Amino acid sequence: MHLNSYQLEAAETAQYNEKFYPIASLMVEAAELSDLFVKPMLRGDSVDIDRAKVVSEAGDVLWNLAMILKDSDITLEEVAQQNLRKLKSRAVRGVIQGSGGER
């Protein structure tokens, strides 16, 4: 599936009136995804991460990101392409492990 196709199909399921909804929801879903990894690491658990839960929570993160971008007239593919250009430029210039946004 192509990113833009996903974004369009995902938008068909959007049922919110306030553009703030996917912004707030993204924070919650990202925390839930992170929690699947962080809690076992902090506790020192030697448990396998539940793949199905990771896929489910990552999907929620992706949906909310797709809706935030759609509401801003930005496609997922545009973001992905720009991100790769940025990362490749950093790699070529030897600053991929630096800190800060514009390096």
N, C-alpha and C. Protein backbone atom coordinates (compact mmCIF):
# COMPACT_ATOMS: atom_id res chain seq x y z
N MET A 1 0.84 -1.18 0.00
CA MET A 1 0.00 0.00 0.00
C MET A 1 0.89 1.24 0.00
N HIS A 2 0.51 2.22 -0.76
CA HIS A 2 1.23 3.49 -0.81
C HIS A 2 0.74 4.39 0.32
N LEU A 3 1.63 5.23 0.80
CA LEU A 3 1.30 6.09 1.93
C LEU A 3 0.11 7.00 1.65
N ASN A 4 0.07 7.59 0.46
CA ASN A 4 -1.05 8.49 0.16
C ASN A 4 -2.37 7.73 0.07
N SER A 5 -2.32 6.50 -0.44
CA SER A 5 -3.53 5.68 -0.49
C SER A 5 -4.02 5.39 0.93
N TYR A 6 -3.08 5.05 1.80
CA TYR A 6 -3.46 4.82 3.20
C TYR A 6 -4.12 6.07 3.79
N GLN A 7 -3.50 7.22 3.55
CA GLN A 7 -4.01 8.47 4.12
C GLN A 7 -5.44 8.75 3.66
N LEU A 8 -5.69 8.54 2.37
CA LEU A 8 -7.04 8.78 1.84
C LEU A 8 -8.05 7.80 2.42
N GLU A 9 -7.68 6.52 2.48
CA GLU A 9 -8.61 5.53 3.04
C GLU A 9 -8.83 5.74 4.53
N ALA A 10 -7.77 6.10 5.24
CA ALA A 10 -7.89 6.35 6.68
C ALA A 10 -8.82 7.52 6.94
N ALA A 11 -8.76 8.53 6.08
CA ALA A 11 -9.60 9.71 6.26
C ALA A 11 -11.08 9.36 6.18
N GLU A 12 -11.41 8.29 5.48
CA GLU A 12 -12.81 7.87 5.38
C GLU A 12 -13.35 7.41 6.73
N THR A 13 -12.46 7.08 7.66
CA THR A 13 -12.90 6.63 8.99
C THR A 13 -12.89 7.75 10.02
N ALA A 14 -12.42 8.94 9.63
CA ALA A 14 -12.30 10.05 10.58
C ALA A 14 -13.69 10.57 10.97
N GLN A 15 -13.91 10.63 12.27
CA GLN A 15 -15.19 11.13 12.79
C GLN A 15 -14.93 12.11 13.93
N TYR A 16 -14.31 13.21 13.61
CA TYR A 16 -14.07 14.23 14.61
C TYR A 16 -14.40 15.59 14.02
N ASN A 17 -14.79 16.51 14.89
CA ASN A 17 -15.15 17.85 14.46
C ASN A 17 -14.03 18.85 14.68
N GLU A 18 -13.20 18.59 15.67
CA GLU A 18 -12.12 19.51 16.02
C GLU A 18 -10.79 18.97 15.50
N LYS A 19 -10.05 19.81 14.79
CA LYS A 19 -8.74 19.39 14.28
C LYS A 19 -7.76 19.07 15.40
N PHE A 20 -8.08 19.48 16.60
CA PHE A 20 -7.22 19.19 17.74
C PHE A 20 -7.27 17.72 18.12
N TYR A 21 -8.35 17.03 17.77
CA TYR A 21 -8.51 15.63 18.18
C TYR A 21 -7.31 14.76 17.79
N PRO A 22 -6.92 14.69 16.50
CA PRO A 22 -5.79 13.81 16.18
C PRO A 22 -4.46 14.30 16.75
N ILE A 23 -4.35 15.59 17.04
CA ILE A 23 -3.12 16.10 17.64
C ILE A 23 -2.99 15.55 19.06
N ALA A 24 -4.03 15.69 19.84
CA ALA A 24 -4.01 15.17 21.21
C ALA A 24 -3.91 13.65 21.22
N SER A 25 -4.64 13.01 20.33
CA SER A 25 -4.65 11.56 20.27
C SER A 25 -3.29 10.99 19.87
N LEU A 26 -2.57 11.71 19.01
CA LEU A 26 -1.23 11.25 18.61
C LEU A 26 -0.32 11.14 19.82
N MET A 27 -0.38 12.11 20.70
CA MET A 27 0.46 12.07 21.90
C MET A 27 0.13 10.86 22.76
N VAL A 28 -1.15 10.59 22.93
CA VAL A 28 -1.58 9.46 23.74
C VAL A 28 -1.15 8.14 23.10
N GLU A 29 -1.40 8.00 21.81
CA GLU A 29 -1.07 6.75 21.12
C GLU A 29 0.44 6.51 21.05
N ALA A 30 1.21 7.59 20.85
CA ALA A 30 2.67 7.45 20.82
C ALA A 30 3.19 6.99 22.18
N ALA A 31 2.58 7.50 23.24
CA ALA A 31 2.97 7.07 24.59
C ALA A 31 2.63 5.61 24.81
N GLU A 32 1.47 5.18 24.32
CA GLU A 32 1.08 3.78 24.47
C GLU A 32 2.02 2.87 23.70
N LEU A 33 2.43 3.29 22.51
CA LEU A 33 3.40 2.50 21.72
C LEU A 33 4.73 2.43 22.45
N SER A 34 5.22 3.56 22.92
CA SER A 34 6.50 3.60 23.63
C SER A 34 6.46 2.74 24.88
N ASP A 35 5.34 2.78 25.57
CA ASP A 35 5.18 2.02 26.81
C ASP A 35 5.41 0.53 26.62
N LEU A 36 5.05 0.02 25.45
CA LEU A 36 5.24 -1.40 25.18
C LEU A 36 6.71 -1.79 25.27
N PHE A 37 7.60 -0.85 25.00
CA PHE A 37 9.04 -1.11 25.04
C PHE A 37 9.67 -0.61 26.34
N VAL A 38 9.23 0.56 26.80
CA VAL A 38 9.88 1.21 27.93
C VAL A 38 9.64 0.46 29.24
N LYS A 39 8.42 0.09 29.53
CA LYS A 39 8.14 -0.56 30.81
C LYS A 39 8.96 -1.84 31.00
N PRO A 40 9.01 -2.74 30.03
CA PRO A 40 9.85 -3.93 30.23
C PRO A 40 11.33 -3.57 30.41
N MET A 41 11.81 -2.56 29.69
CA MET A 41 13.21 -2.16 29.83
C MET A 41 13.49 -1.60 31.21
N LEU A 42 12.59 -0.74 31.71
CA LEU A 42 12.79 -0.13 33.02
C LEU A 42 12.71 -1.15 34.15
N ARG A 43 11.84 -2.14 33.98
CA ARG A 43 11.69 -3.18 35.01
C ARG A 43 12.75 -4.26 34.88
N GLY A 44 13.43 -4.28 33.75
CA GLY A 44 14.42 -5.32 33.52
C GLY A 44 13.79 -6.65 33.16
N ASP A 45 12.56 -6.61 32.66
CA ASP A 45 11.87 -7.83 32.26
C ASP A 45 12.56 -8.45 31.05
N SER A 46 12.59 -9.75 31.04
CA SER A 46 13.11 -10.43 29.85
C SER A 46 11.92 -11.09 29.14
N VAL A 47 11.01 -10.24 28.70
CA VAL A 47 9.82 -10.73 28.00
C VAL A 47 9.90 -10.33 26.55
N ASP A 48 9.27 -11.13 25.72
CA ASP A 48 9.16 -10.78 24.31
C ASP A 48 8.11 -9.69 24.17
N ILE A 49 8.42 -8.72 23.33
CA ILE A 49 7.46 -7.66 23.05
C ILE A 49 6.36 -8.25 22.18
N ASP A 50 5.12 -7.95 22.52
CA ASP A 50 3.97 -8.48 21.79
C ASP A 50 3.84 -7.78 20.44
N ARG A 51 4.18 -8.49 19.38
CA ARG A 51 4.17 -7.93 18.03
C ARG A 51 2.80 -7.38 17.65
N ALA A 52 1.75 -8.10 17.97
CA ALA A 52 0.40 -7.67 17.61
C ALA A 52 0.05 -6.34 18.28
N LYS A 53 0.46 -6.18 19.54
CA LYS A 53 0.20 -4.92 20.24
C LYS A 53 1.00 -3.78 19.62
N VAL A 54 2.26 -4.06 19.25
CA VAL A 54 3.08 -3.03 18.62
C VAL A 54 2.45 -2.59 17.30
N VAL A 55 2.03 -3.54 16.49
CA VAL A 55 1.41 -3.22 15.20
C VAL A 55 0.13 -2.42 15.42
N SER A 56 -0.67 -2.80 16.40
CA SER A 56 -1.91 -2.09 16.67
C SER A 56 -1.66 -0.65 17.11
N GLU A 57 -0.77 -0.46 18.06
CA GLU A 57 -0.48 0.89 18.56
C GLU A 57 0.21 1.74 17.49
N ALA A 58 1.11 1.13 16.72
CA ALA A 58 1.78 1.87 15.63
C ALA A 58 0.75 2.30 14.60
N GLY A 59 -0.24 1.47 14.35
CA GLY A 59 -1.32 1.84 13.44
C GLY A 59 -2.10 3.04 13.94
N ASP A 60 -2.34 3.09 15.25
CA ASP A 60 -3.05 4.24 15.83
C ASP A 60 -2.21 5.51 15.68
N VAL A 61 -0.90 5.39 15.89
CA VAL A 61 0.00 6.53 15.71
C VAL A 61 -0.05 6.99 14.25
N LEU A 62 0.04 6.04 13.33
CA LEU A 62 0.02 6.36 11.90
C LEU A 62 -1.28 7.05 11.51
N TRP A 63 -2.41 6.55 11.99
CA TRP A 63 -3.71 7.15 11.65
C TRP A 63 -3.76 8.60 12.11
N ASN A 64 -3.38 8.85 13.35
CA ASN A 64 -3.43 10.21 13.87
C ASN A 64 -2.48 11.13 13.12
N LEU A 65 -1.28 10.67 12.80
CA LEU A 65 -0.34 11.47 12.01
C LEU A 65 -0.94 11.76 10.64
N ALA A 66 -1.51 10.75 10.02
CA ALA A 66 -2.11 10.93 8.69
C ALA A 66 -3.22 11.97 8.73
N MET A 67 -4.02 11.99 9.79
CA MET A 67 -5.12 12.95 9.88
C MET A 67 -4.60 14.36 10.16
N ILE A 68 -3.59 14.49 11.00
CA ILE A 68 -3.00 15.81 11.26
C ILE A 68 -2.48 16.40 9.95
N LEU A 69 -1.77 15.59 9.19
CA LEU A 69 -1.22 16.06 7.93
C LEU A 69 -2.33 16.37 6.92
N LYS A 70 -3.32 15.52 6.83
CA LYS A 70 -4.44 15.75 5.91
C LYS A 70 -5.13 17.07 6.23
N ASP A 71 -5.36 17.31 7.51
CA ASP A 71 -6.00 18.56 7.93
C ASP A 71 -5.14 19.78 7.58
N SER A 72 -3.86 19.55 7.35
CA SER A 72 -2.93 20.62 6.98
C SER A 72 -2.58 20.60 5.49
N ASP A 73 -3.31 19.80 4.72
CA ASP A 73 -3.06 19.65 3.28
C ASP A 73 -1.64 19.21 2.97
N ILE A 74 -1.15 18.25 3.74
CA ILE A 74 0.18 17.67 3.54
C ILE A 74 -0.02 16.16 3.41
N THR A 75 0.67 15.54 2.46
CA THR A 75 0.55 14.09 2.30
C THR A 75 1.64 13.37 3.10
N LEU A 76 1.33 12.15 3.46
CA LEU A 76 2.32 11.30 4.13
C LEU A 76 3.55 11.09 3.23
N GLU A 77 3.31 10.92 1.93
CA GLU A 77 4.44 10.71 1.02
C GLU A 77 5.34 11.93 0.96
N GLU A 78 4.77 13.12 0.99
CA GLU A 78 5.59 14.33 1.00
C GLU A 78 6.49 14.35 2.23
N VAL A 79 5.93 14.01 3.37
CA VAL A 79 6.70 13.99 4.61
C VAL A 79 7.80 12.93 4.54
N ALA A 80 7.45 11.74 4.06
CA ALA A 80 8.43 10.66 3.97
C ALA A 80 9.58 11.02 3.02
N GLN A 81 9.25 11.58 1.87
CA GLN A 81 10.28 11.96 0.90
C GLN A 81 11.19 13.04 1.46
N GLN A 82 10.61 14.06 2.08
CA GLN A 82 11.42 15.13 2.66
C GLN A 82 12.31 14.61 3.78
N ASN A 83 11.78 13.71 4.59
CA ASN A 83 12.56 13.14 5.68
C ASN A 83 13.76 12.37 5.15
N LEU A 84 13.55 11.58 4.10
CA LEU A 84 14.67 10.83 3.52
C LEU A 84 15.72 11.76 2.92
N ARG A 85 15.27 12.82 2.24
CA ARG A 85 16.23 13.80 1.70
C ARG A 85 17.07 14.39 2.82
N LYS A 86 16.42 14.76 3.91
CA LYS A 86 17.12 15.36 5.05
C LYS A 86 18.13 14.38 5.63
N LEU A 87 17.71 13.15 5.86
CA LEU A 87 18.59 12.16 6.47
C LEU A 87 19.77 11.82 5.56
N LYS A 88 19.51 11.68 4.26
CA LYS A 88 20.60 11.39 3.32
C LYS A 88 21.60 12.54 3.27
N SER A 89 21.09 13.76 3.30
CA SER A 89 21.97 14.93 3.31
C SER A 89 22.85 14.93 4.56
N ARG A 90 22.26 14.63 5.68
CA ARG A 90 23.03 14.57 6.93
C ARG A 90 24.08 13.48 6.87
N ALA A 91 23.71 12.33 6.32
CA ALA A 91 24.66 11.22 6.22
C ALA A 91 25.85 11.61 5.34
N VAL A 92 25.56 12.23 4.20
CA VAL A 92 26.62 12.64 3.27
C VAL A 92 27.55 13.66 3.94
N ARG A 93 26.97 14.55 4.73
CA ARG A 93 27.76 15.59 5.38
C ARG A 93 28.36 15.14 6.71
N GLY A 94 28.09 13.90 7.12
CA GLY A 94 28.66 13.36 8.35
C GLY A 94 28.08 13.95 9.62
N VAL A 95 26.84 14.42 9.57
CA VAL A 95 26.22 15.02 10.75
C VAL A 95 24.94 14.30 11.17
N ILE A 96 24.80 13.08 10.74
CA ILE A 96 23.54 12.37 11.03
C ILE A 96 23.41 12.08 12.54
N GLN A 97 24.53 11.98 13.25
CA GLN A 97 24.45 11.71 14.69
C GLN A 97 24.56 12.98 15.51
N GLY A 98 24.49 14.13 14.88
CA GLY A 98 24.56 15.39 15.63
C GLY A 98 23.27 15.67 16.36
N SER A 99 23.17 16.86 16.92
CA SER A 99 21.94 17.23 17.62
C SER A 99 21.39 18.51 17.01
N GLY A 100 20.12 18.71 17.18
CA GLY A 100 19.48 19.90 16.64
C GLY A 100 18.79 19.61 15.32
N GLY A 101 17.87 20.47 14.97
CA GLY A 101 17.04 20.26 13.80
C GLY A 101 17.72 20.57 12.48
N GLU A 102 18.33 21.73 12.37
CA GLU A 102 18.93 22.17 11.09
C GLU A 102 20.44 22.03 11.14
N ARG A 103 20.93 20.86 10.79
CA ARG A 103 22.38 20.65 10.82
C ARG A 103 22.87 20.14 9.50
